[in-house]
Amino acid sequence: MVMLENESNLKETLFAFKDLMDDHGIEFVLLYGALLGAYRNKRLLPWDHDIDVEIIAKSYEDFVDMDIFGLLRDAHKKGFRYTTW
């Protein structure tokens, strides 16, 4: 199975994102094209250019209590950067 460079980069980013979320005890799920590819193709879609995720908060209190700034600081330290299209 040949993996396109973009697909490889997205897969690497997804695993880094999962590690970041695990470090902060935050659950998430894949959505849209990312979910379709994972379910139907057992891989990310080769033509997809992003990964769609939704962060799960079990309650409003869990969401409010999230250390968003700590999460953003850790994301920046791990190399995540804000981008625009």
Protein backbone atom coordinates (compact mmCIF):
# COMPACT_ATOMS: atom_id res chain seq x y z
CA MET A 1 0.00 0.00 0.00
CA VAL A 2 1.51 3.30 -1.08
CA MET A 3 0.97 6.17 1.35
CA LEU A 4 0.98 9.65 -0.12
CA GLU A 5 3.15 12.26 1.60
CA ASN A 6 0.09 14.29 2.70
CA GLU A 7 -1.58 11.18 4.11
CA SER A 8 1.60 10.31 5.99
CA ASN A 9 1.83 13.84 7.43
CA LEU A 10 -1.82 13.75 8.51
CA LYS A 11 -1.35 10.37 10.17
CA GLU A 12 1.70 11.64 12.07
CA THR A 13 -0.25 14.75 13.14
CA LEU A 14 -3.22 12.66 14.27
CA PHE A 15 -1.03 10.51 16.53
CA ALA A 16 0.69 13.59 17.96
CA PHE A 17 -2.75 15.13 18.60
CA LYS A 18 -3.90 11.93 20.31
CA ASP A 19 -0.84 11.99 22.59
CA LEU A 20 -1.55 15.63 23.46
CA MET A 21 -5.19 14.89 24.26
CA ASP A 22 -4.21 11.84 26.34
CA ASP A 23 -1.71 13.97 28.31
CA HIS A 24 -4.59 16.27 29.26
CA GLY A 25 -7.22 13.56 29.79
CA ILE A 26 -9.38 14.87 26.94
CA GLU A 27 -11.47 12.50 24.85
CA PHE A 28 -12.10 13.14 21.16
CA VAL A 29 -13.67 11.41 18.17
CA LEU A 30 -13.00 11.55 14.45
CA LEU A 31 -15.68 13.12 12.24
CA TYR A 32 -16.56 13.53 8.55
CA GLY A 33 -13.83 12.51 6.07
CA ALA A 34 -11.42 11.35 8.76
CA LEU A 35 -14.08 9.03 10.21
CA LEU A 36 -15.19 7.84 6.77
CA GLY A 37 -11.65 6.96 5.76
CA ALA A 38 -10.88 5.22 9.06
CA TYR A 39 -14.09 3.18 8.93
CA ARG A 40 -14.45 2.43 5.23
CA ASN A 41 -10.83 2.38 4.03
CA LYS A 42 -9.07 1.52 7.31
CA ARG A 43 -6.82 4.54 6.65
CA LEU A 44 -7.02 8.27 6.14
CA LEU A 45 -8.38 9.30 2.77
CA PRO A 46 -5.41 10.01 0.48
CA TRP A 47 -7.03 13.15 -0.96
CA ASP A 48 -8.07 14.60 2.40
CA HIS A 49 -6.18 17.69 3.56
CA ASP A 50 -7.36 17.87 7.18
CA ILE A 51 -8.44 15.77 10.13
CA ASP A 52 -11.87 16.46 11.57
CA VAL A 53 -12.17 15.92 15.33
CA GLU A 54 -14.61 16.79 18.08
CA ILE A 55 -13.57 17.15 21.69
CA ILE A 56 -15.94 15.42 24.08
CA ALA A 57 -16.90 17.07 27.35
CA LYS A 58 -19.08 14.81 29.47
CA SER A 59 -20.65 17.83 31.14
CA TYR A 60 -20.57 21.59 31.00
CA GLU A 61 -18.44 21.59 34.17
CA ASP A 62 -15.84 19.32 32.52
CA PHE A 63 -15.66 21.72 29.60
CA VAL A 64 -15.35 24.81 31.80
CA ASP A 65 -12.72 23.13 33.99
CA MET A 66 -10.47 22.25 31.03
CA ASP A 67 -7.11 23.98 31.22
CA ILE A 68 -7.34 25.38 27.70
CA PHE A 69 -4.31 27.64 28.07
CA GLY A 70 -2.21 24.76 29.41
CA LEU A 71 -3.37 22.66 26.46
CA LEU A 72 -2.42 25.43 24.02
CA ARG A 73 1.00 25.90 25.68
CA ASP A 74 1.70 22.16 25.44
CA ALA A 75 0.49 22.05 21.84
CA HIS A 76 2.87 24.87 20.95
CA LYS A 77 5.76 23.12 22.72
CA LYS A 78 5.01 19.95 20.72
CA GLY A 79 5.19 21.87 17.44
CA PHE A 80 1.53 22.50 16.67
CA ARG A 81 1.08 25.85 14.96
CA TYR A 82 -1.90 27.98 14.02
CA THR A 83 -2.40 27.98 10.28
CA THR A 84 -4.85 29.51 7.84
CA TRP A 85 -5.84 28.30 4.42
